Every structure is written in C-alpha cells, then in structure tokens.
C-alpha cells in the first residue's frame, strides 16, 4: 500500500496550467478566458465530476473522447 503522504506532495496547478492539462487530455477549449472564468469560480474539482461521461472509459490518463469541447 502506498503512503498517503504521496498524494499530498502533488503540487496545485494554476488556472492556466489546469486549462493546458485539459487541452493535453483532448478537451477542445475554444475560449480559454471562458474556461478560466469557470475554473476560477466553480473550480476544477467540482467540474471534474461532470467530465467523466465525456472521457474515454478505463483510461487512467483521463483522456477526453474525440470532439469533446468545454462548451
């Protein structure tokens, strides 16, 4: 069993880094300022629950299905 401390060592990402991460995972973000706004006021963690239906099943990298957009 891995140490719980391992998860606490993960650094927080800035909003810009969160947008880049979502883009790298295949989410189409046509208006980064809009994505920034929602991430700032709603938060990545809260929004992440809504991402699940749009992600590739059983993918540990949390890639998004083709043509999935932030809109």
PDB file of N, CA and C in Angstrom:
ATOM      1  N   UNK A   1       0.841  -1.176   0.000  1.00  0.00           N
ATOM      2  CA  UNK A   1       0.000   0.000   0.000  1.00  0.00           C
ATOM      3  C   UNK A   1       0.888   1.240   0.000  1.00  0.00           C
ATOM      4  N   UNK A   2       0.550   2.197  -0.854  1.00  0.00           N
ATOM      5  CA  UNK A   2       1.378   3.397  -0.931  1.00  0.00           C
ATOM      6  C   UNK A   2       1.053   4.340   0.216  1.00  0.00           C
ATOM      7  N   UNK A   3       2.002   5.172   0.498  1.00  0.00           N
ATOM      8  CA  UNK A   3       1.856   6.129   1.588  1.00  0.00           C
ATOM      9  C   UNK A   3       0.851   7.218   1.231  1.00  0.00           C
ATOM     10  N   UNK A   4      -0.038   7.581   2.173  1.00  0.00           N
ATOM     11  CA  UNK A   4      -0.981   8.672   1.893  1.00  0.00           C
ATOM     12  C   UNK A   4      -0.258   9.988   1.662  1.00  0.00           C
ATOM     13  N   UNK A   5       0.936  10.123   2.177  1.00  0.00           N
ATOM     14  CA  UNK A   5       1.731  11.344   2.017  1.00  0.00           C
ATOM     15  C   UNK A   5       2.056  11.590   0.547  1.00  0.00           C
ATOM     16  N   UNK A   6       2.163  10.527  -0.238  1.00  0.00           N
ATOM     17  CA  UNK A   6       2.484  10.643  -1.664  1.00  0.00           C
ATOM     18  C   UNK A   6       1.489  11.568  -2.365  1.00  0.00           C
ATOM     19  N   UNK A   7       0.213  11.467  -2.037  1.00  0.00           N
ATOM     20  CA  UNK A   7      -0.811  12.266  -2.680  1.00  0.00           C
ATOM     21  C   UNK A   7      -0.769  13.718  -2.214  1.00  0.00           C
ATOM     22  N   UNK A   8      -0.281  13.943  -1.023  1.00  0.00           N
ATOM     23  CA  UNK A   8      -0.199  15.298  -0.506  1.00  0.00           C
ATOM     24  C   UNK A   8       0.956  16.080  -1.119  1.00  0.00           C
ATOM     25  N   UNK A   9       1.905  15.390  -1.724  1.00  0.00           N
ATOM     26  CA  UNK A   9       3.065  16.036  -2.328  1.00  0.00           C
ATOM     27  C   UNK A   9       2.780  16.556  -3.737  1.00  0.00           C
ATOM     28  N   UNK A  10       1.602  16.300  -4.247  1.00  0.00           N
ATOM     29  CA  UNK A  10       1.254  16.729  -5.598  1.00  0.00           C
ATOM     30  C   UNK A  10       0.991  18.240  -5.590  1.00  0.00           C
ATOM     31  N   UNK A  11       1.728  19.004  -6.386  1.00  0.00           N
ATOM     32  CA  UNK A  11       1.557  20.467  -6.351  1.00  0.00           C
ATOM     33  C   UNK A  11       0.245  20.906  -6.998  1.00  0.00           C
ATOM     34  N   UNK A  12      -0.294  21.989  -6.498  1.00  0.00           N
ATOM     35  CA  UNK A  12      -1.501  22.575  -7.088  1.00  0.00           C
ATOM     36  C   UNK A  12      -1.143  23.212  -8.424  1.00  0.00           C
ATOM     37  N   UNK A  13      -2.071  23.174  -9.368  1.00  0.00           N
ATOM     38  CA  UNK A  13      -1.861  23.782 -10.675  1.00  0.00           C
ATOM     39  C   UNK A  13      -2.557  25.133 -10.724  1.00  0.00           C
ATOM     40  N   UNK A  14      -1.935  26.086 -11.394  1.00  0.00           N
ATOM     41  CA  UNK A  14      -2.582  27.375 -11.605  1.00  0.00           C
ATOM     42  C   UNK A  14      -3.742  27.174 -12.571  1.00  0.00           C
ATOM     43  N   UNK A  15      -4.598  28.156 -12.692  1.00  0.00           N
ATOM     44  CA  UNK A  15      -5.727  28.044 -13.616  1.00  0.00           C
ATOM     45  C   UNK A  15      -5.236  27.860 -15.052  1.00  0.00           C
ATOM     46  N   UNK A  16      -4.176  28.565 -15.418  1.00  0.00           N
ATOM     47  CA  UNK A  16      -3.618  28.417 -16.765  1.00  0.00           C
ATOM     48  C   UNK A  16      -3.108  26.992 -16.981  1.00  0.00           C
ATOM     49  N   UNK A  17      -2.470  26.430 -15.958  1.00  0.00           N
ATOM     50  CA  UNK A  17      -1.958  25.057 -16.052  1.00  0.00           C
ATOM     51  C   UNK A  17      -3.111  24.046 -16.115  1.00  0.00           C
ATOM     52  N   UNK A  18      -4.205  24.319 -15.419  1.00  0.00           N
ATOM     53  CA  UNK A  18      -5.373  23.441 -15.478  1.00  0.00           C
ATOM     54  C   UNK A  18      -5.956  23.424 -16.888  1.00  0.00           C
ATOM     55  N   UNK A  19      -6.019  24.595 -17.524  1.00  0.00           N
ATOM     56  CA  UNK A  19      -6.531  24.691 -18.891  1.00  0.00           C
ATOM     57  C   UNK A  19      -5.613  23.937 -19.847  1.00  0.00           C
ATOM     58  N   UNK A  20      -4.310  24.072 -19.678  1.00  0.00           N
ATOM     59  CA  UNK A  20      -3.354  23.340 -20.525  1.00  0.00           C
ATOM     60  C   UNK A  20      -3.494  21.828 -20.321  1.00  0.00           C
ATOM     61  N   UNK A  21      -3.691  21.397 -19.075  1.00  0.00           N
ATOM     62  CA  UNK A  21      -3.856  19.976 -18.785  1.00  0.00           C
ATOM     63  C   UNK A  21      -5.098  19.424 -19.473  1.00  0.00           C
ATOM     64  N   UNK A  22      -6.205  20.145 -19.370  1.00  0.00           N
ATOM     65  CA  UNK A  22      -7.434  19.702 -20.027  1.00  0.00           C
ATOM     66  C   UNK A  22      -7.245  19.635 -21.541  1.00  0.00           C
ATOM     67  N   UNK A  23      -6.538  20.612 -22.099  1.00  0.00           N
ATOM     68  CA  UNK A  23      -6.266  20.609 -23.546  1.00  0.00           C
ATOM     69  C   UNK A  23      -5.399  19.421 -23.933  1.00  0.00           C
ATOM     70  N   UNK A  24      -4.357  19.128 -23.144  1.00  0.00           N
ATOM     71  CA  UNK A  24      -3.486  17.972 -23.426  1.00  0.00           C
ATOM     72  C   UNK A  24      -4.262  16.669 -23.374  1.00  0.00           C
ATOM     73  N   UNK A  25      -5.299  16.641 -22.565  1.00  0.00           N
ATOM     74  CA  UNK A  25      -6.125  15.435 -22.448  1.00  0.00           C
ATOM     75  C   UNK A  25      -7.172  15.346 -23.557  1.00  0.00           C
ATOM     76  N   UNK A  26      -7.191  16.336 -24.449  1.00  0.00           N
ATOM     77  CA  UNK A  26      -8.060  16.260 -25.614  1.00  0.00           C
ATOM     78  C   UNK A  26      -9.322  17.098 -25.545  1.00  0.00           C
ATOM     79  N   UNK A  27      -9.519  17.870 -24.476  1.00  0.00           N
ATOM     80  CA  UNK A  27     -10.695  18.731 -24.380  1.00  0.00           C
ATOM     81  C   UNK A  27     -10.486  19.962 -25.261  1.00  0.00           C
ATOM     82  N   UNK A  28     -11.432  20.222 -26.139  1.00  0.00           N
ATOM     83  CA  UNK A  28     -11.344  21.380 -27.019  1.00  0.00           C
ATOM     84  C   UNK A  28     -11.800  22.612 -26.251  1.00  0.00           C
ATOM     85  N   UNK A  29     -10.904  23.576 -26.122  1.00  0.00           N
ATOM     86  CA  UNK A  29     -11.210  24.809 -25.400  1.00  0.00           C
ATOM     87  C   UNK A  29     -11.054  25.954 -26.385  1.00  0.00           C
ATOM     88  N   UNK A  30     -12.179  26.399 -26.939  1.00  0.00           N
ATOM     89  CA  UNK A  30     -12.153  27.443 -27.964  1.00  0.00           C
ATOM     90  C   UNK A  30     -12.000  28.826 -27.353  1.00  0.00           C
ATOM     91  N   UNK A  31     -12.450  29.024 -26.123  1.00  0.00           N
ATOM     92  CA  UNK A  31     -12.361  30.315 -25.448  1.00  0.00           C
ATOM     93  C   UNK A  31     -11.693  30.122 -24.085  1.00  0.00           C
ATOM     94  N   UNK A  32     -10.350  30.201 -24.042  1.00  0.00           N
ATOM     95  CA  UNK A  32      -9.642  29.978 -22.780  1.00  0.00           C
ATOM     96  C   UNK A  32     -10.075  30.938 -21.664  1.00  0.00           C
ATOM     97  N   UNK A  33     -10.476  32.157 -22.002  1.00  0.00           N
ATOM     98  CA  UNK A  33     -10.887  33.095 -20.957  1.00  0.00           C
ATOM     99  C   UNK A  33     -12.198  32.634 -20.302  1.00  0.00           C
ATOM    100  N   UNK A  34     -13.059  32.027 -21.075  1.00  0.00           N
ATOM    101  CA  UNK A  34     -14.305  31.477 -20.522  1.00  0.00           C
ATOM    102  C   UNK A  34     -13.998  30.289 -19.610  1.00  0.00           C
ATOM    103  N   UNK A  35     -13.107  29.411 -20.057  1.00  0.00           N
ATOM    104  CA  UNK A  35     -12.703  28.272 -19.235  1.00  0.00           C
ATOM    105  C   UNK A  35     -12.047  28.767 -17.938  1.00  0.00           C
ATOM    106  N   UNK A  36     -11.216  29.799 -18.045  1.00  0.00           N
ATOM    107  CA  UNK A  36     -10.562  30.391 -16.882  1.00  0.00           C
ATOM    108  C   UNK A  36     -11.622  30.857 -15.875  1.00  0.00           C
ATOM    109  N   UNK A  37     -12.634  31.558 -16.376  1.00  0.00           N
ATOM    110  CA  UNK A  37     -13.707  32.074 -15.522  1.00  0.00           C
ATOM    111  C   UNK A  37     -14.391  30.941 -14.752  1.00  0.00           C
ATOM    112  N   UNK A  38     -14.786  29.890 -15.453  1.00  0.00           N
ATOM    113  CA  UNK A  38     -15.487  28.787 -14.797  1.00  0.00           C
ATOM    114  C   UNK A  38     -14.584  28.041 -13.821  1.00  0.00           C
ATOM    115  N   UNK A  39     -13.344  27.841 -14.189  1.00  0.00           N
ATOM    116  CA  UNK A  39     -12.419  27.173 -13.275  1.00  0.00           C
ATOM    117  C   UNK A  39     -12.173  28.030 -12.038  1.00  0.00           C
ATOM    118  N   UNK A  40     -12.140  29.335 -12.216  1.00  0.00           N
ATOM    119  CA  UNK A  40     -11.904  30.235 -11.095  1.00  0.00           C
ATOM    120  C   UNK A  40     -13.086  30.255 -10.125  1.00  0.00           C
ATOM    121  N   UNK A  41     -14.305  30.301 -10.643  1.00  0.00           N
ATOM    122  CA  UNK A  41     -15.468  30.458  -9.785  1.00  0.00           C
ATOM    123  C   UNK A  41     -16.149  29.145  -9.385  1.00  0.00           C
ATOM    124  N   UNK A  42     -15.999  28.127 -10.189  1.00  0.00           N
ATOM    125  CA  UNK A  42     -16.603  26.837  -9.842  1.00  0.00           C
ATOM    126  C   UNK A  42     -15.534  25.887  -9.309  1.00  0.00           C
ATOM    127  N   UNK A  43     -14.390  25.851  -9.976  1.00  0.00           N
ATOM    128  CA  UNK A  43     -13.281  25.024  -9.521  1.00  0.00           C
ATOM    129  C   UNK A  43     -13.134  23.740 -10.315  1.00  0.00           C
ATOM    130  N   UNK A  44     -11.885  23.327 -10.483  1.00  0.00           N
ATOM    131  CA  UNK A  44     -11.556  22.121 -11.236  1.00  0.00           C
ATOM    132  C   UNK A  44     -12.193  20.894 -10.591  1.00  0.00           C
ATOM    133  N   UNK A  45     -12.075  20.797  -9.275  1.00  0.00           N
ATOM    134  CA  UNK A  45     -12.559  19.604  -8.584  1.00  0.00           C
ATOM    135  C   UNK A  45     -14.065  19.435  -8.783  1.00  0.00           C
ATOM    136  N   UNK A  46     -14.805  20.515  -8.624  1.00  0.00           N
ATOM    137  CA  UNK A  46     -16.258  20.416  -8.770  1.00  0.00           C
ATOM    138  C   UNK A  46     -16.635  20.101 -10.224  1.00  0.00           C
ATOM    139  N   UNK A  47     -15.961  20.719 -11.183  1.00  0.00           N
ATOM    140  CA  UNK A  47     -16.259  20.464 -12.590  1.00  0.00           C
ATOM    141  C   UNK A  47     -15.841  19.057 -13.020  1.00  0.00           C
ATOM    142  N   UNK A  48     -14.823  18.519 -12.384  1.00  0.00           N
ATOM    143  CA  UNK A  48     -14.284  17.223 -12.821  1.00  0.00           C
ATOM    144  C   UNK A  48     -15.320  16.106 -12.775  1.00  0.00           C
ATOM    145  N   UNK A  49     -16.272  16.190 -11.897  1.00  0.00           N
ATOM    146  CA  UNK A  49     -17.330  15.183 -11.849  1.00  0.00           C
ATOM    147  C   UNK A  49     -18.174  15.163 -13.112  1.00  0.00           C
ATOM    148  N   UNK A  50     -18.304  16.317 -13.743  1.00  0.00           N
ATOM    149  CA  UNK A  50     -19.068  16.416 -14.990  1.00  0.00           C
ATOM    150  C   UNK A  50     -18.246  15.980 -16.198  1.00  0.00           C
ATOM    151  N   UNK A  51     -16.928  15.851 -16.037  1.00  0.00           N
ATOM    152  CA  UNK A  51     -16.063  15.425 -17.137  1.00  0.00           C
ATOM    153  C   UNK A  51     -16.176  13.933 -17.419  1.00  0.00           C
ATOM    154  N   UNK A  52     -16.478  13.125 -16.383  1.00  0.00           N
ATOM    155  CA  UNK A  52     -16.432  11.667 -16.506  1.00  0.00           C
ATOM    156  C   UNK A  52     -17.195  11.103 -17.702  1.00  0.00           C
ATOM    157  N   UNK A  53     -18.437  11.526 -17.966  1.00  0.00           N
ATOM    158  CA  UNK A  53     -19.160  10.932 -19.105  1.00  0.00           C
ATOM    159  C   UNK A  53     -18.520  11.224 -20.465  1.00  0.00           C
ATOM    160  N   UNK A  54     -17.644  12.214 -20.502  1.00  0.00           N
ATOM    161  CA  UNK A  54     -17.023  12.620 -21.762  1.00  0.00           C
ATOM    162  C   UNK A  54     -15.604  12.090 -21.917  1.00  0.00           C
ATOM    163  N   UNK A  55     -15.155  11.295 -20.959  1.00  0.00           N
ATOM    164  CA  UNK A  55     -13.806  10.756 -21.020  1.00  0.00           C
ATOM    165  C   UNK A  55     -13.821   9.328 -21.558  1.00  0.00           C
ATOM    166  N   UNK A  56     -12.688   8.927 -22.097  1.00  0.00           N
ATOM    167  CA  UNK A  56     -12.537   7.577 -22.631  1.00  0.00           C
ATOM    168  C   UNK A  56     -12.642   6.587 -21.471  1.00  0.00           C
ATOM    169  N   UNK A  57     -13.527   5.607 -21.569  1.00  0.00           N
ATOM    170  CA  UNK A  57     -13.685   4.635 -20.479  1.00  0.00           C
ATOM    171  C   UNK A  57     -12.390   3.883 -20.180  1.00  0.00           C
ATOM    172  N   UNK A  58     -12.147   3.651 -18.907  1.00  0.00           N
ATOM    173  CA  UNK A  58     -10.988   2.874 -18.431  1.00  0.00           C
ATOM    174  C   UNK A  58      -9.650   3.440 -18.869  1.00  0.00           C
ATOM    175  N   UNK A  59      -9.580   4.744 -19.065  1.00  0.00           N
ATOM    176  CA  UNK A  59      -8.317   5.395 -19.434  1.00  0.00           C
ATOM    177  C   UNK A  59      -7.761   6.084 -18.197  1.00  0.00           C
ATOM    178  N   UNK A  60      -6.631   5.622 -17.711  1.00  0.00           N
ATOM    179  CA  UNK A  60      -6.041   6.162 -16.485  1.00  0.00           C
ATOM    180  C   UNK A  60      -5.436   7.551 -16.687  1.00  0.00           C
ATOM    181  N   UNK A  61      -5.346   7.998 -17.922  1.00  0.00           N
ATOM    182  CA  UNK A  61      -4.820   9.332 -18.207  1.00  0.00           C
ATOM    183  C   UNK A  61      -5.942  10.357 -18.340  1.00  0.00           C
ATOM    184  N   UNK A  62      -7.185   9.901 -18.202  1.00  0.00           N
ATOM    185  CA  UNK A  62      -8.362  10.778 -18.243  1.00  0.00           C
ATOM    186  C   UNK A  62      -8.485  11.545 -19.563  1.00  0.00           C
ATOM    187  N   UNK A  63      -8.203  10.871 -20.661  1.00  0.00           N
ATOM    188  CA  UNK A  63      -8.339  11.478 -21.990  1.00  0.00           C
ATOM    189  C   UNK A  63      -9.821  11.677 -22.318  1.00  0.00           C
ATOM    190  N   UNK A  64     -10.095  12.737 -23.062  1.00  0.00           N
ATOM    191  CA  UNK A  64     -11.468  13.017 -23.473  1.00  0.00           C
ATOM    192  C   UNK A  64     -11.771  12.347 -24.804  1.00  0.00           C
ATOM    193  N   UNK A  65     -13.034  11.998 -24.996  1.00  0.00           N
ATOM    194  CA  UNK A  65     -13.472  11.432 -26.258  1.00  0.00           C
ATOM    195  C   UNK A  65     -13.313  12.489 -27.346  1.00  0.00           C
ATOM    196  N   UNK A  66     -13.161  12.040 -28.587  1.00  0.00           N
ATOM    197  CA  UNK A  66     -12.968  12.947 -29.725  1.00  0.00           C
ATOM    198  C   UNK A  66     -14.085  13.976 -29.808  1.00  0.00           C
ATOM    199  N   UNK A  67     -13.707  15.179 -30.159  1.00  0.00           N
ATOM    200  CA  UNK A  67     -14.647  16.302 -30.372  1.00  0.00           C
ATOM    201  C   UNK A  67     -15.393  16.756 -29.123  1.00  0.00           C
ATOM    202  N   UNK A  68     -14.854  16.481 -27.944  1.00  0.00           N
ATOM    203  CA  UNK A  68     -15.463  16.980 -26.703  1.00  0.00           C
ATOM    204  C   UNK A  68     -14.938  18.387 -26.452  1.00  0.00           C
ATOM    205  N   UNK A  69     -15.872  19.333 -26.253  1.00  0.00           N
ATOM    206  CA  UNK A  69     -15.450  20.720 -26.032  1.00  0.00           C
ATOM    207  C   UNK A  69     -15.903  21.207 -24.671  1.00  0.00           C
ATOM    208  N   UNK A  70     -15.262  22.249 -24.195  1.00  0.00           N
ATOM    209  CA  UNK A  70     -15.590  22.838 -22.905  1.00  0.00           C
ATOM    210  C   UNK A  70     -16.980  23.454 -22.912  1.00  0.00           C
ATOM    211  N   UNK A  71     -17.452  23.850 -24.094  1.00  0.00           N
ATOM    212  CA  UNK A  71     -18.785  24.457 -24.189  1.00  0.00           C
ATOM    213  C   UNK A  71     -19.838  23.458 -23.810  1.00  0.00           C
TER     214      UNK A  71
END
